[in-house]
Amino acid sequence: IQCQLKQDRFPDIGALTVIDSTQLSLTAHGEHWAF
């Protein structure tokens, strides 16, 4: 991060954060909160 702070940013925007997700299956007897 310290190295990247010295890098140029996208003009007029700055830094972006690309967000994505993936689902992970648990066992059939997994925690009830993940049901």
PDB file of all heavy atoms in Angstrom:
ATOM      1  N   ILE A   1       0.828  -1.203   0.000  1.00  0.00           N
ATOM      2  CA  ILE A   1       0.000   0.000   0.000  1.00  0.00           C
ATOM      3  C   ILE A   1       0.860   1.250   0.000  1.00  0.00           C
ATOM      4  O   ILE A   1       0.584   2.231  -0.704  1.00  0.00           O
ATOM      5  CB  ILE A   1      -0.956  -0.008   1.211  1.00  0.00           C
ATOM      6  CG1 ILE A   1      -2.053  -1.054   0.996  1.00  0.00           C
ATOM      7  CG2 ILE A   1      -1.575   1.366   1.427  1.00  0.00           C
ATOM      8  CD1 ILE A   1      -2.919  -1.284   2.205  1.00  0.00           C
ATOM      9  N   GLN A   2       1.922   1.244   0.794  1.00  0.00           N
ATOM     10  CA  GLN A   2       2.814   2.395   0.833  1.00  0.00           C
ATOM     11  C   GLN A   2       3.447   2.655  -0.533  1.00  0.00           C
ATOM     12  O   GLN A   2       3.641   3.800  -0.937  1.00  0.00           O
ATOM     13  CB  GLN A   2       3.898   2.180   1.894  1.00  0.00           C
ATOM     14  CG  GLN A   2       3.379   2.200   3.322  1.00  0.00           C
ATOM     15  CD  GLN A   2       2.625   3.477   3.655  1.00  0.00           C
ATOM     16  OE1 GLN A   2       3.084   4.585   3.342  1.00  0.00           O
ATOM     17  NE2 GLN A   2       1.462   3.329   4.278  1.00  0.00           N
ATOM     18  N   CYS A   3       3.764   1.572  -1.246  1.00  0.00           N
ATOM     19  CA  CYS A   3       4.323   1.726  -2.596  1.00  0.00           C
ATOM     20  C   CYS A   3       3.273   2.264  -3.558  1.00  0.00           C
ATOM     21  O   CYS A   3       3.564   3.137  -4.392  1.00  0.00           O
ATOM     22  CB  CYS A   3       4.851   0.383  -3.099  1.00  0.00           C
ATOM     23  SG  CYS A   3       6.287  -0.237  -2.214  1.00  0.00           S
ATOM     24  N   GLN A   4       2.044   1.764  -3.428  1.00  0.00           N
ATOM     25  CA  GLN A   4       0.987   2.182  -4.339  1.00  0.00           C
ATOM     26  C   GLN A   4       0.565   3.624  -4.102  1.00  0.00           C
ATOM     27  O   GLN A   4       0.082   4.297  -5.019  1.00  0.00           O
ATOM     28  CB  GLN A   4      -0.232   1.260  -4.205  1.00  0.00           C
ATOM     29  CG  GLN A   4       0.028  -0.191  -4.599  1.00  0.00           C
ATOM     30  CD  GLN A   4       0.154  -0.355  -6.106  1.00  0.00           C
ATOM     31  OE1 GLN A   4       0.273   0.625  -6.840  1.00  0.00           O
ATOM     32  NE2 GLN A   4       0.150  -1.582  -6.576  1.00  0.00           N
ATOM     33  N   LEU A   5       0.716   4.118  -2.888  1.00  0.00           N
ATOM     34  CA  LEU A   5       0.341   5.500  -2.610  1.00  0.00           C
ATOM     35  C   LEU A   5       1.155   6.496  -3.438  1.00  0.00           C
ATOM     36  O   LEU A   5       0.733   7.622  -3.651  1.00  0.00           O
ATOM     37  CB  LEU A   5       0.516   5.797  -1.122  1.00  0.00           C
ATOM     38  CG  LEU A   5      -0.511   5.143  -0.179  1.00  0.00           C
ATOM     39  CD1 LEU A   5      -0.163   5.433   1.276  1.00  0.00           C
ATOM     40  CD2 LEU A   5      -1.919   5.622  -0.496  1.00  0.00           C
ATOM     41  N   LYS A   6       2.295   6.051  -3.904  1.00  0.00           N
ATOM     42  CA  LYS A   6       3.156   6.913  -4.704  1.00  0.00           C
ATOM     43  C   LYS A   6       2.798   6.865  -6.191  1.00  0.00           C
ATOM     44  O   LYS A   6       3.356   7.619  -6.985  1.00  0.00           O
ATOM     45  CB  LYS A   6       4.620   6.501  -4.514  1.00  0.00           C
ATOM     46  CG  LYS A   6       5.085   6.548  -3.057  1.00  0.00           C
ATOM     47  CD  LYS A   6       6.490   6.003  -2.915  1.00  0.00           C
ATOM     48  CE  LYS A   6       6.931   5.969  -1.460  1.00  0.00           C
ATOM     49  NZ  LYS A   6       8.291   5.388  -1.308  1.00  0.00           N
ATOM     50  N   GLN A   7       1.887   5.955  -6.569  1.00  0.00           N
ATOM     51  CA  GLN A   7       1.515   5.810  -7.971  1.00  0.00           C
ATOM     52  C   GLN A   7       0.488   6.867  -8.379  1.00  0.00           C
ATOM     53  O   GLN A   7      -0.264   7.383  -7.563  1.00  0.00           O
ATOM     54  CB  GLN A   7       0.920   4.414  -8.217  1.00  0.00           C
ATOM     55  CG  GLN A   7       1.850   3.264  -7.877  1.00  0.00           C
ATOM     56  CD  GLN A   7       3.007   3.152  -8.842  1.00  0.00           C
ATOM     57  OE1 GLN A   7       2.916   3.576  -9.990  1.00  0.00           O
ATOM     58  NE2 GLN A   7       4.105   2.589  -8.373  1.00  0.00           N
ATOM     59  N   ASP A   8       0.474   7.172  -9.678  1.00  0.00           N
ATOM     60  CA  ASP A   8      -0.529   8.094 -10.216  1.00  0.00           C
ATOM     61  C   ASP A   8      -1.907   7.450 -10.160  1.00  0.00           C
ATOM     62  O   ASP A   8      -2.066   6.244 -10.313  1.00  0.00           O
ATOM     63  CB  ASP A   8      -0.190   8.460 -11.665  1.00  0.00           C
ATOM     64  CG  ASP A   8       1.099   9.254 -11.761  1.00  0.00           C
ATOM     65  OD1 ASP A   8       1.417   9.958 -10.776  1.00  0.00           O
ATOM     66  OD2 ASP A   8       1.777   9.160 -12.799  1.00  0.00           O
ATOM     67  N   ARG A   9      -2.943   8.277  -9.967  1.00  0.00           N
ATOM     68  CA  ARG A   9      -4.316   7.793  -9.929  1.00  0.00           C
ATOM     69  C   ARG A   9      -5.004   8.059 -11.268  1.00  0.00           C
ATOM     70  O   ARG A   9      -4.489   8.766 -12.122  1.00  0.00           O
ATOM     71  CB  ARG A   9      -5.105   8.507  -8.818  1.00  0.00           C
ATOM     72  CG  ARG A   9      -4.499   8.360  -7.431  1.00  0.00           C
ATOM     73  CD  ARG A   9      -4.635   6.921  -6.954  1.00  0.00           C
ATOM     74  NE  ARG A   9      -4.361   6.806  -5.536  1.00  0.00           N
ATOM     75  CZ  ARG A   9      -3.183   6.502  -5.034  1.00  0.00           C
ATOM     76  NH1 ARG A   9      -2.156   6.337  -5.829  1.00  0.00           N
ATOM     77  NH2 ARG A   9      -3.027   6.380  -3.718  1.00  0.00           N
ATOM     78  N   PHE A  10      -6.185   7.462 -11.437  1.00  0.00           N
ATOM     79  CA  PHE A  10      -6.985   7.766 -12.608  1.00  0.00           C
ATOM     80  C   PHE A  10      -7.327   9.259 -12.595  1.00  0.00           C
ATOM     81  O   PHE A  10      -7.762   9.781 -11.566  1.00  0.00           O
ATOM     82  CB  PHE A  10      -8.284   6.953 -12.602  1.00  0.00           C
ATOM     83  CG  PHE A  10      -8.072   5.492 -12.887  1.00  0.00           C
ATOM     84  CD1 PHE A  10      -8.218   4.555 -11.875  1.00  0.00           C
ATOM     85  CD2 PHE A  10      -7.732   5.068 -14.155  1.00  0.00           C
ATOM     86  CE1 PHE A  10      -8.030   3.209 -12.132  1.00  0.00           C
ATOM     87  CE2 PHE A  10      -7.544   3.720 -14.429  1.00  0.00           C
ATOM     88  CZ  PHE A  10      -7.684   2.791 -13.413  1.00  0.00           C
ATOM     89  N   PRO A  11      -7.160   9.957 -13.717  1.00  0.00           N
ATOM     90  CA  PRO A  11      -7.459  11.391 -13.758  1.00  0.00           C
ATOM     91  C   PRO A  11      -8.899  11.679 -13.364  1.00  0.00           C
ATOM     92  O   PRO A  11      -9.829  11.022 -13.826  1.00  0.00           O
ATOM     93  CB  PRO A  11      -7.204  11.759 -15.225  1.00  0.00           C
ATOM     94  CG  PRO A  11      -6.272  10.705 -15.728  1.00  0.00           C
ATOM     95  CD  PRO A  11      -6.652   9.445 -15.004  1.00  0.00           C
ATOM     96  N   ASP A  12      -9.078  12.643 -12.484  1.00  0.00           N
ATOM     97  CA  ASP A  12     -10.393  13.137 -12.056  1.00  0.00           C
ATOM     98  C   ASP A  12     -11.210  12.109 -11.264  1.00  0.00           C
ATOM     99  O   ASP A  12     -12.357  12.365 -10.932  1.00  0.00           O
ATOM    100  CB  ASP A  12     -11.234  13.601 -13.268  1.00  0.00           C
ATOM    101  CG  ASP A  12     -10.528  14.678 -14.074  1.00  0.00           C
ATOM    102  OD1 ASP A  12      -9.886  15.552 -13.438  1.00  0.00           O
ATOM    103  OD2 ASP A  12     -10.605  14.637 -15.303  1.00  0.00           O
ATOM    104  N   ILE A  13     -10.637  10.946 -10.996  1.00  0.00           N
ATOM    105  CA  ILE A  13     -11.378   9.931 -10.253  1.00  0.00           C
ATOM    106  C   ILE A  13     -10.663   9.536  -8.973  1.00  0.00           C
ATOM    107  O   ILE A  13     -11.225   9.548  -7.890  1.00  0.00           O
ATOM    108  CB  ILE A  13     -11.609   8.659 -11.124  1.00  0.00           C
ATOM    109  CG1 ILE A  13     -12.457   8.997 -12.339  1.00  0.00           C
ATOM    110  CG2 ILE A  13     -12.294   7.569 -10.292  1.00  0.00           C
ATOM    111  CD1 ILE A  13     -12.682   7.809 -13.260  1.00  0.00           C
ATOM    112  N   GLY A  14      -9.389   9.206  -9.105  1.00  0.00           N
ATOM    113  CA  GLY A  14      -8.660   8.698  -7.952  1.00  0.00           C
ATOM    114  C   GLY A  14      -8.614   7.179  -7.995  1.00  0.00           C
ATOM    115  O   GLY A  14      -8.670   6.568  -9.053  1.00  0.00           O
ATOM    116  N   ALA A  15      -8.549   6.570  -6.829  1.00  0.00           N
ATOM    117  CA  ALA A  15      -8.462   5.116  -6.757  1.00  0.00           C
ATOM    118  C   ALA A  15      -9.848   4.487  -6.811  1.00  0.00           C
ATOM    119  O   ALA A  15     -10.814   5.041  -6.303  1.00  0.00           O
ATOM    120  CB  ALA A  15      -7.752   4.704  -5.478  1.00  0.00           C
ATOM    121  N   LEU A  16      -9.925   3.333  -7.453  1.00  0.00           N
ATOM    122  CA  LEU A  16     -11.165   2.568  -7.523  1.00  0.00           C
ATOM    123  C   LEU A  16     -11.020   1.287  -6.708  1.00  0.00           C
ATOM    124  O   LEU A  16      -9.914   0.772  -6.539  1.00  0.00           O
ATOM    125  CB  LEU A  16     -11.496   2.189  -8.961  1.00  0.00           C
ATOM    126  CG  LEU A  16     -11.810   3.312  -9.942  1.00  0.00           C
ATOM    127  CD1 LEU A  16     -11.952   2.734 -11.349  1.00  0.00           C
ATOM    128  CD2 LEU A  16     -13.085   4.024  -9.533  1.00  0.00           C
ATOM    129  N   THR A  17     -12.131   0.779  -6.229  1.00  0.00           N
ATOM    130  CA  THR A  17     -12.152  -0.543  -5.617  1.00  0.00           C
ATOM    131  C   THR A  17     -13.181  -1.390  -6.345  1.00  0.00           C
ATOM    132  O   THR A  17     -14.366  -1.080  -6.332  1.00  0.00           O
ATOM    133  CB  THR A  17     -12.516  -0.474  -4.114  1.00  0.00           C
ATOM    134  OG1 THR A  17     -11.488   0.231  -3.426  1.00  0.00           O
ATOM    135  CG2 THR A  17     -12.630  -1.878  -3.531  1.00  0.00           C
ATOM    136  N   VAL A  18     -12.718  -2.418  -7.023  1.00  0.00           N
ATOM    137  CA  VAL A  18     -13.601  -3.345  -7.721  1.00  0.00           C
ATOM    138  C   VAL A  18     -14.081  -4.384  -6.712  1.00  0.00           C
ATOM    139  O   VAL A  18     -13.276  -5.021  -6.033  1.00  0.00           O
ATOM    140  CB  VAL A  18     -12.871  -4.041  -8.885  1.00  0.00           C
ATOM    141  CG1 VAL A  18     -13.799  -5.024  -9.588  1.00  0.00           C
ATOM    142  CG2 VAL A  18     -12.348  -3.002  -9.874  1.00  0.00           C
ATOM    143  N   ILE A  19     -15.388  -4.530  -6.601  1.00  0.00           N
ATOM    144  CA  ILE A  19     -15.976  -5.418  -5.597  1.00  0.00           C
ATOM    145  C   ILE A  19     -16.666  -6.594  -6.275  1.00  0.00           C
ATOM    146  O   ILE A  19     -17.437  -6.414  -7.226  1.00  0.00           O
ATOM    147  CB  ILE A  19     -16.985  -4.652  -4.717  1.00  0.00           C
ATOM    148  CG1 ILE A  19     -16.265  -3.535  -3.955  1.00  0.00           C
ATOM    149  CG2 ILE A  19     -17.682  -5.594  -3.744  1.00  0.00           C
ATOM    150  CD1 ILE A  19     -17.190  -2.642  -3.186  1.00  0.00           C
ATOM    151  N   ASP A  20     -16.362  -7.770  -5.800  1.00  0.00           N
ATOM    152  CA  ASP A  20     -17.007  -8.975  -6.303  1.00  0.00           C
ATOM    153  C   ASP A  20     -17.135  -9.959  -5.153  1.00  0.00           C
ATOM    154  O   ASP A  20     -16.524  -9.779  -4.097  1.00  0.00           O
ATOM    155  CB  ASP A  20     -16.199  -9.584  -7.447  1.00  0.00           C
ATOM    156  CG  ASP A  20     -17.003 -10.618  -8.230  1.00  0.00           C
ATOM    157  OD1 ASP A  20     -18.243 -10.614  -8.115  1.00  0.00           O
ATOM    158  OD2 ASP A  20     -16.395 -11.422  -8.958  1.00  0.00           O
ATOM    159  N   SER A  21     -17.928 -10.994  -5.355  1.00  0.00           N
ATOM    160  CA  SER A  21     -18.131 -11.968  -4.285  1.00  0.00           C
ATOM    161  C   SER A  21     -18.317 -13.355  -4.856  1.00  0.00           C
ATOM    162  O   SER A  21     -18.604 -13.525  -6.046  1.00  0.00           O
ATOM    163  CB  SER A  21     -19.350 -11.592  -3.437  1.00  0.00           C
ATOM    164  OG  SER A  21     -20.517 -11.567  -4.230  1.00  0.00           O
ATOM    165  N   THR A  22     -18.134 -14.330  -4.011  1.00  0.00           N
ATOM    166  CA  THR A  22     -18.367 -15.717  -4.385  1.00  0.00           C
ATOM    167  C   THR A  22     -19.029 -16.438  -3.220  1.00  0.00           C
ATOM    168  O   THR A  22     -18.788 -16.102  -2.055  1.00  0.00           O
ATOM    169  CB  THR A  22     -17.043 -16.416  -4.760  1.00  0.00           C
ATOM    170  OG1 THR A  22     -17.316 -17.725  -5.238  1.00  0.00           O
ATOM    171  CG2 THR A  22     -16.104 -16.505  -3.566  1.00  0.00           C
ATOM    172  N   GLN A  23     -19.876 -17.403  -3.542  1.00  0.00           N
ATOM    173  CA  GLN A  23     -20.556 -18.158  -2.503  1.00  0.00           C
ATOM    174  C   GLN A  23     -19.807 -19.458  -2.220  1.00  0.00           C
ATOM    175  O   GLN A  23     -19.343 -20.129  -3.138  1.00  0.00           O
ATOM    176  CB  GLN A  23     -21.996 -18.470  -2.918  1.00  0.00           C
ATOM    177  CG  GLN A  23     -22.888 -17.245  -2.989  1.00  0.00           C
ATOM    178  CD  GLN A  23     -24.355 -17.603  -3.169  1.00  0.00           C
ATOM    179  OE1 GLN A  23     -24.750 -18.746  -3.010  1.00  0.00           O
ATOM    180  NE2 GLN A  23     -25.167 -16.617  -3.520  1.00  0.00           N
ATOM    181  N   LEU A  24     -19.683 -19.773  -0.942  1.00  0.00           N
ATOM    182  CA  LEU A  24     -18.993 -20.978  -0.499  1.00  0.00           C
ATOM    183  C   LEU A  24     -19.998 -21.893   0.184  1.00  0.00           C
ATOM    184  O   LEU A  24     -20.672 -21.487   1.132  1.00  0.00           O
ATOM    185  CB  LEU A  24     -17.849 -20.628   0.459  1.00  0.00           C
ATOM    186  CG  LEU A  24     -16.846 -19.590  -0.049  1.00  0.00           C
ATOM    187  CD1 LEU A  24     -15.863 -19.220   1.048  1.00  0.00           C
ATOM    188  CD2 LEU A  24     -16.099 -20.133  -1.263  1.00  0.00           C
ATOM    189  N   SER A  25     -20.094 -23.118  -0.274  1.00  0.00           N
ATOM    190  CA  SER A  25     -21.038 -24.076   0.298  1.00  0.00           C
ATOM    191  C   SER A  25     -20.449 -24.722   1.537  1.00  0.00           C
ATOM    192  O   SER A  25     -19.263 -25.090   1.566  1.00  0.00           O
ATOM    193  CB  SER A  25     -21.387 -25.160  -0.726  1.00  0.00           C
ATOM    194  OG  SER A  25     -22.034 -24.602  -1.844  1.00  0.00           O
ATOM    195  N   LEU A  26     -21.254 -24.864   2.558  1.00  0.00           N
ATOM    196  CA  LEU A  26     -20.875 -25.573   3.767  1.00  0.00           C
ATOM    197  C   LEU A  26     -21.529 -26.945   3.763  1.00  0.00           C
ATOM    198  O   LEU A  26     -22.328 -27.269   2.889  1.00  0.00           O
ATOM    199  CB  LEU A  26     -21.308 -24.777   5.003  1.00  0.00           C
ATOM    200  CG  LEU A  26     -20.795 -23.327   5.089  1.00  0.00           C
ATOM    201  CD1 LEU A  26     -21.314 -22.669   6.360  1.00  0.00           C
ATOM    202  CD2 LEU A  26     -19.277 -23.284   5.049  1.00  0.00           C
ATOM    203  N   THR A  27     -21.184 -27.764   4.739  1.00  0.00           N
ATOM    204  CA  THR A  27     -21.789 -29.080   4.822  1.00  0.00           C
ATOM    205  C   THR A  27     -23.270 -28.948   5.157  1.00  0.00           C
ATOM    206  O   THR A  27     -23.723 -27.924   5.663  1.00  0.00           O
ATOM    207  CB  THR A  27     -21.105 -29.923   5.912  1.00  0.00           C
ATOM    208  OG1 THR A  27     -21.300 -29.288   7.179  1.00  0.00           O
ATOM    209  CG2 THR A  27     -19.620 -30.043   5.632  1.00  0.00           C
ATOM    210  N   ALA A  28     -24.015 -29.980   4.865  1.00  0.00           N
ATOM    211  CA  ALA A  28     -25.458 -29.947   5.101  1.00  0.00           C
ATOM    212  C   ALA A  28     -25.797 -29.735   6.567  1.00  0.00           C
ATOM    213  O   ALA A  28     -26.881 -29.265   6.906  1.00  0.00           O
ATOM    214  CB  ALA A  28     -26.089 -31.257   4.611  1.00  0.00           C
ATOM    215  N   HIS A  29     -24.842 -30.056   7.433  1.00  0.00           N
ATOM    216  CA  HIS A  29     -25.058 -29.879   8.868  1.00  0.00           C
ATOM    217  C   HIS A  29     -24.306 -28.650   9.387  1.00  0.00           C
ATOM    218  O   HIS A  29     -23.924 -28.590  10.554  1.00  0.00           O
ATOM    219  CB  HIS A  29     -24.604 -31.123   9.631  1.00  0.00           C
ATOM    220  CG  HIS A  29     -25.300 -32.380   9.191  1.00  0.00           C
ATOM    221  ND1 HIS A  29     -26.625 -32.644   9.460  1.00  0.00           N
ATOM    222  CD2 HIS A  29     -24.845 -33.433   8.456  1.00  0.00           C
ATOM    223  CE1 HIS A  29     -26.959 -33.819   8.940  1.00  0.00           C
ATOM    224  NE2 HIS A  29     -25.902 -34.309   8.317  1.00  0.00           N
ATOM    225  N   GLY A  30     -24.092 -27.690   8.492  1.00  0.00           N
ATOM    226  CA  GLY A  30     -23.360 -26.488   8.868  1.00  0.00           C
ATOM    227  C   GLY A  30     -24.152 -25.597   9.807  1.00  0.00           C
ATOM    228  O   GLY A  30     -25.248 -25.926  10.253  1.00  0.00           O
ATOM    229  N   GLU A  31     -23.584 -24.452  10.085  1.00  0.00           N
ATOM    230  CA  GLU A  31     -24.194 -23.529  11.037  1.00  0.00           C
ATOM    231  C   GLU A  31     -25.587 -23.097  10.580  1.00  0.00           C
ATOM    232  O   GLU A  31     -25.821 -22.853   9.391  1.00  0.00           O
ATOM    233  CB  GLU A  31     -23.309 -22.295  11.201  1.00  0.00           C
ATOM    234  CG  GLU A  31     -21.938 -22.599  11.791  1.00  0.00           C
ATOM    235  CD  GLU A  31     -22.044 -23.030  13.238  1.00  0.00           C
ATOM    236  OE1 GLU A  31     -23.071 -22.730  13.888  1.00  0.00           O
ATOM    237  OE2 GLU A  31     -21.098 -23.682  13.724  1.00  0.00           O
ATOM    238  N   HIS A  32     -26.502 -22.993  11.530  1.00  0.00           N
ATOM    239  CA  HIS A  32     -27.887 -22.653  11.192  1.00  0.00           C
ATOM    240  C   HIS A  32     -28.013 -21.240  10.626  1.00  0.00           C
ATOM    241  O   HIS A  32     -28.891 -20.955   9.839  1.00  0.00           O
ATOM    242  CB  HIS A  32     -28.777 -22.786  12.441  1.00  0.00           C
ATOM    243  CG  HIS A  32     -28.462 -21.795  13.510  1.00  0.00           C
ATOM    244  ND1 HIS A  32     -27.431 -21.977  14.419  1.00  0.00           N
ATOM    245  CD2 HIS A  32     -29.027 -20.596  13.806  1.00  0.00           C
ATOM    246  CE1 HIS A  32     -27.387 -20.926  15.233  1.00  0.00           C
ATOM    247  NE2 HIS A  32     -28.326 -20.086  14.885  1.00  0.00           N
ATOM    248  N   TRP A  33     -27.079 -20.338  11.001  1.00  0.00           N
ATOM    249  CA  TRP A  33     -27.174 -18.960  10.515  1.00  0.00           C
ATOM    250  C   TRP A  33     -26.880 -18.856   9.019  1.00  0.00           C
ATOM    251  O   TRP A  33     -27.220 -17.867   8.380  1.00  0.00           O
ATOM    252  CB  TRP A  33     -26.233 -18.042  11.292  1.00  0.00           C
ATOM    253  CG  TRP A  33     -24.787 -18.470  11.278  1.00  0.00           C
ATOM    254  CD1 TRP A  33     -24.136 -19.224  12.209  1.00  0.00           C
ATOM    255  CD2 TRP A  33     -23.812 -18.172  10.268  1.00  0.00           C
ATOM    256  NE1 TRP A  33     -22.827 -19.433  11.847  1.00  0.00           N
ATOM    257  CE2 TRP A  33     -22.601 -18.787  10.657  1.00  0.00           C
ATOM    258  CE3 TRP A  33     -23.860 -17.456   9.075  1.00  0.00           C
ATOM    259  CZ2 TRP A  33     -21.448 -18.705   9.903  1.00  0.00           C
ATOM    260  CZ3 TRP A  33     -22.700 -17.364   8.318  1.00  0.00           C
ATOM    261  CH2 TRP A  33     -21.510 -17.991   8.747  1.00  0.00           C
ATOM    262  N   ALA A  34     -26.225 -19.890   8.446  1.00  0.00           N
ATOM    263  CA  ALA A  34     -25.907 -19.871   7.013  1.00  0.00           C
ATOM    264  C   ALA A  34     -26.942 -20.626   6.181  1.00  0.00           C
ATOM    265  O   ALA A  34     -26.787 -20.768   4.970  1.00  0.00           O
ATOM    266  CB  ALA A  34     -24.518 -20.486   6.790  1.00  0.00           C
ATOM    267  N   PHE A  35     -28.027 -21.076   6.808  1.00  0.00           N
ATOM    268  CA  PHE A  35     -29.051 -21.849   6.102  1.00  0.00           C
ATOM    269  C   PHE A  35     -29.784 -20.975   5.086  1.00  0.00           C
ATOM    270  O   PHE A  35     -30.184 -19.855   5.379  1.00  0.00           O
ATOM    271  CB  PHE A  35     -30.043 -22.439   7.113  1.00  0.00           C
ATOM    272  CG  PHE A  35     -31.182 -23.179   6.483  1.00  0.00           C
ATOM    273  CD1 PHE A  35     -31.029 -24.494   6.076  1.00  0.00           C
ATOM    274  CD2 PHE A  35     -32.408 -22.554   6.287  1.00  0.00           C
ATOM    275  CE1 PHE A  35     -32.081 -25.191   5.496  1.00  0.00           C
ATOM    276  CE2 PHE A  35     -33.473 -23.239   5.710  1.00  0.00           C
ATOM    277  CZ  PHE A  35     -33.304 -24.563   5.312  1.00  0.00           C
TER     278      PHE A  35
END
